[in-house]
Amino acid sequence: MTDTVTTIRPASRFSEILGRIRRALDGVSYTWLALPLRFAVATIFWNSAMAKLANWETTLSLFSDEYQLPLIPPGIAAYFATSIEISTPVLLVLGLRQGLPRSFCWA
């Protein structure tokens, strides 16, 4: 009588684990999966806005000396950039930015 030993290779075990994870995530809504990514991107925008607001003189000097925008005066550009960086994280987390393109579709 011969005994057959079945060995599980690490590659097949790894793909089996990945398959289980994928099947588990298939049941989760996209909204819940995208939420951590929204928070991560929103944190970057928010931190940038807070850095600009912490020292407004440095922000103005950056926009006038470093960025050197050709069409917009540095003061106005600094206000625009800061206001966008304050409002974007709120809209991102609430998910309002994704509905805006859909509102322009007529179909």
C-alpha atoms as a PDB file:
ATOM      1  CA  MET A   1       0.000   0.000   0.000  1.00  0.00           C
ATOM      2  CA  THR A   2       1.387   3.369  -0.974  1.00  0.00           C
ATOM      3  CA  ASP A   3       0.630   6.603   0.785  1.00  0.00           C
ATOM      4  CA  THR A   4       0.238   9.722  -1.279  1.00  0.00           C
ATOM      5  CA  VAL A   5       1.140  12.914   0.409  1.00  0.00           C
ATOM      6  CA  THR A   6      -0.441  16.079  -0.838  1.00  0.00           C
ATOM      7  CA  THR A   7       1.721  19.103  -0.378  1.00  0.00           C
ATOM      8  CA  ILE A   8       0.376  22.586  -0.642  1.00  0.00           C
ATOM      9  CA  ARG A   9       2.748  24.902  -2.358  1.00  0.00           C
ATOM     10  CA  PRO A  10       3.097  28.410  -0.893  1.00  0.00           C
ATOM     11  CA  ALA A  11       2.039  30.045  -4.181  1.00  0.00           C
ATOM     12  CA  SER A  12      -1.278  28.181  -4.278  1.00  0.00           C
ATOM     13  CA  ARG A  13      -1.866  28.884  -0.583  1.00  0.00           C
ATOM     14  CA  PHE A  14      -1.239  32.592  -1.202  1.00  0.00           C
ATOM     15  CA  SER A  15      -3.620  32.693  -4.162  1.00  0.00           C
ATOM     16  CA  GLU A  16      -6.229  30.885  -2.074  1.00  0.00           C
ATOM     17  CA  ILE A  17      -5.955  33.547   0.651  1.00  0.00           C
ATOM     18  CA  LEU A  18      -6.203  36.311  -1.944  1.00  0.00           C
ATOM     19  CA  GLY A  19      -9.275  34.645  -3.407  1.00  0.00           C
ATOM     20  CA  ARG A  20     -10.942  34.566   0.006  1.00  0.00           C
ATOM     21  CA  ILE A  21     -10.157  38.235   0.585  1.00  0.00           C
ATOM     22  CA  ARG A  22     -11.521  39.165  -2.830  1.00  0.00           C
ATOM     23  CA  ARG A  23     -14.755  37.235  -2.261  1.00  0.00           C
ATOM     24  CA  ALA A  24     -15.175  38.930   1.120  1.00  0.00           C
ATOM     25  CA  LEU A  25     -14.630  42.379  -0.389  1.00  0.00           C
ATOM     26  CA  ASP A  26     -17.074  41.700  -3.233  1.00  0.00           C
ATOM     27  CA  GLY A  27     -19.875  41.905  -0.688  1.00  0.00           C
ATOM     28  CA  VAL A  28     -18.789  45.323   0.568  1.00  0.00           C
ATOM     29  CA  SER A  29     -20.228  48.419  -1.049  1.00  0.00           C
ATOM     30  CA  TYR A  30     -17.903  50.657  -3.060  1.00  0.00           C
ATOM     31  CA  THR A  31     -18.833  53.579  -0.822  1.00  0.00           C
ATOM     32  CA  TRP A  32     -17.340  51.888   2.214  1.00  0.00           C
ATOM     33  CA  LEU A  33     -14.211  50.880   0.326  1.00  0.00           C
ATOM     34  CA  ALA A  34     -13.641  54.392  -1.031  1.00  0.00           C
ATOM     35  CA  LEU A  35     -14.139  56.141   2.310  1.00  0.00           C
ATOM     36  CA  PRO A  36     -10.598  55.554   3.683  1.00  0.00           C
ATOM     37  CA  LEU A  37      -9.133  56.782   0.403  1.00  0.00           C
ATOM     38  CA  ARG A  38     -11.310  59.870   0.521  1.00  0.00           C
ATOM     39  CA  PHE A  39     -10.108  60.606   4.054  1.00  0.00           C
ATOM     40  CA  ALA A  40      -6.470  60.121   3.041  1.00  0.00           C
ATOM     41  CA  VAL A  41      -6.682  62.574   0.138  1.00  0.00           C
ATOM     42  CA  ALA A  42      -8.785  65.005   2.184  1.00  0.00           C
ATOM     43  CA  THR A  43      -6.124  64.999   4.914  1.00  0.00           C
ATOM     44  CA  ILE A  44      -3.478  66.060   2.405  1.00  0.00           C
ATOM     45  CA  PHE A  45      -5.580  68.980   1.173  1.00  0.00           C
ATOM     46  CA  TRP A  46      -6.547  70.007   4.714  1.00  0.00           C
ATOM     47  CA  ASN A  47      -2.945  69.950   5.990  1.00  0.00           C
ATOM     48  CA  SER A  48      -1.827  72.057   3.052  1.00  0.00           C
ATOM     49  CA  ALA A  49      -4.547  74.628   3.743  1.00  0.00           C
ATOM     50  CA  MET A  50      -3.659  74.766   7.435  1.00  0.00           C
ATOM     51  CA  ALA A  51       0.006  75.333   6.576  1.00  0.00           C
ATOM     52  CA  LYS A  52      -0.961  78.229   4.322  1.00  0.00           C
ATOM     53  CA  LEU A  53      -3.194  79.760   6.993  1.00  0.00           C
ATOM     54  CA  ALA A  54      -0.605  79.340   9.752  1.00  0.00           C
ATOM     55  CA  ASN A  55       1.670  81.952   8.190  1.00  0.00           C
ATOM     56  CA  TRP A  56      -0.066  84.062   5.586  1.00  0.00           C
ATOM     57  CA  GLU A  57       2.994  86.224   4.862  1.00  0.00           C
ATOM     58  CA  THR A  58       4.992  83.139   3.902  1.00  0.00           C
ATOM     59  CA  THR A  59       2.129  81.983   1.696  1.00  0.00           C
ATOM     60  CA  LEU A  60       2.041  85.316  -0.119  1.00  0.00           C
ATOM     61  CA  SER A  61       5.812  85.308  -0.589  1.00  0.00           C
ATOM     62  CA  LEU A  62       5.651  81.752  -1.968  1.00  0.00           C
ATOM     63  CA  PHE A  63       3.033  82.760  -4.497  1.00  0.00           C
ATOM     64  CA  SER A  64       4.895  85.906  -5.509  1.00  0.00           C
ATOM     65  CA  ASP A  65       8.491  84.582  -5.550  1.00  0.00           C
ATOM     66  CA  GLU A  66       8.403  80.822  -5.964  1.00  0.00           C
ATOM     67  CA  TYR A  67       5.302  80.010  -8.012  1.00  0.00           C
ATOM     68  CA  GLN A  68       5.297  83.151 -10.223  1.00  0.00           C
ATOM     69  CA  LEU A  69       1.936  82.662 -11.893  1.00  0.00           C
ATOM     70  CA  PRO A  70       1.803  84.592 -15.177  1.00  0.00           C
ATOM     71  CA  LEU A  71      -1.901  85.521 -15.361  1.00  0.00           C
ATOM     72  CA  ILE A  72      -3.137  85.823 -11.767  1.00  0.00           C
ATOM     73  CA  PRO A  73      -1.741  88.232  -9.170  1.00  0.00           C
ATOM     74  CA  PRO A  74      -0.071  86.391  -6.258  1.00  0.00           C
ATOM     75  CA  GLY A  75      -2.520  87.635  -3.612  1.00  0.00           C
ATOM     76  CA  ILE A  76      -5.576  86.452  -5.525  1.00  0.00           C
ATOM     77  CA  ALA A  77      -3.925  83.124  -6.371  1.00  0.00           C
ATOM     78  CA  ALA A  78      -3.098  82.551  -2.703  1.00  0.00           C
ATOM     79  CA  TYR A  79      -6.718  83.208  -1.706  1.00  0.00           C
ATOM     80  CA  PHE A  80      -8.014  80.906  -4.455  1.00  0.00           C
ATOM     81  CA  ALA A  81      -5.608  78.088  -3.581  1.00  0.00           C
ATOM     82  CA  THR A  82      -6.339  78.307   0.130  1.00  0.00           C
ATOM     83  CA  SER A  83     -10.106  78.408  -0.331  1.00  0.00           C
ATOM     84  CA  ILE A  84      -9.985  75.404  -2.652  1.00  0.00           C
ATOM     85  CA  GLU A  85      -7.776  73.495  -0.222  1.00  0.00           C
ATOM     86  CA  ILE A  86     -10.229  74.224   2.601  1.00  0.00           C
ATOM     87  CA  SER A  87     -13.405  73.310   0.706  1.00  0.00           C
ATOM     88  CA  THR A  88     -12.148  70.284  -1.241  1.00  0.00           C
ATOM     89  CA  PRO A  89     -11.618  67.979   1.776  1.00  0.00           C
ATOM     90  CA  VAL A  90     -15.149  68.600   3.002  1.00  0.00           C
ATOM     91  CA  LEU A  91     -16.607  67.852  -0.426  1.00  0.00           C
ATOM     92  CA  LEU A  92     -14.385  64.804  -0.848  1.00  0.00           C
ATOM     93  CA  VAL A  93     -15.386  63.223   2.433  1.00  0.00           C
ATOM     94  CA  LEU A  94     -19.064  63.923   1.849  1.00  0.00           C
ATOM     95  CA  GLY A  95     -18.805  62.529  -1.669  1.00  0.00           C
ATOM     96  CA  LEU A  96     -20.293  65.573  -3.341  1.00  0.00           C
ATOM     97  CA  ARG A  97     -17.588  65.833  -5.977  1.00  0.00           C
ATOM     98  CA  GLN A  98     -18.531  62.529  -7.579  1.00  0.00           C
ATOM     99  CA  GLY A  99     -22.161  63.534  -8.121  1.00  0.00           C
ATOM    100  CA  LEU A 100     -21.320  66.752  -9.918  1.00  0.00           C
ATOM    101  CA  PRO A 101     -20.291  65.164 -13.253  1.00  0.00           C
ATOM    102  CA  ARG A 102     -23.388  62.956 -13.156  1.00  0.00           C
ATOM    103  CA  SER A 103     -25.631  65.993 -12.891  1.00  0.00           C
ATOM    104  CA  PHE A 104     -24.512  67.180 -16.333  1.00  0.00           C
ATOM    105  CA  CYS A 105     -25.516  63.916 -18.028  1.00  0.00           C
ATOM    106  CA  TRP A 106     -28.860  63.976 -19.786  1.00  0.00           C
ATOM    107  CA  ALA A 107     -29.216  60.251 -20.277  1.00  0.00           C
END
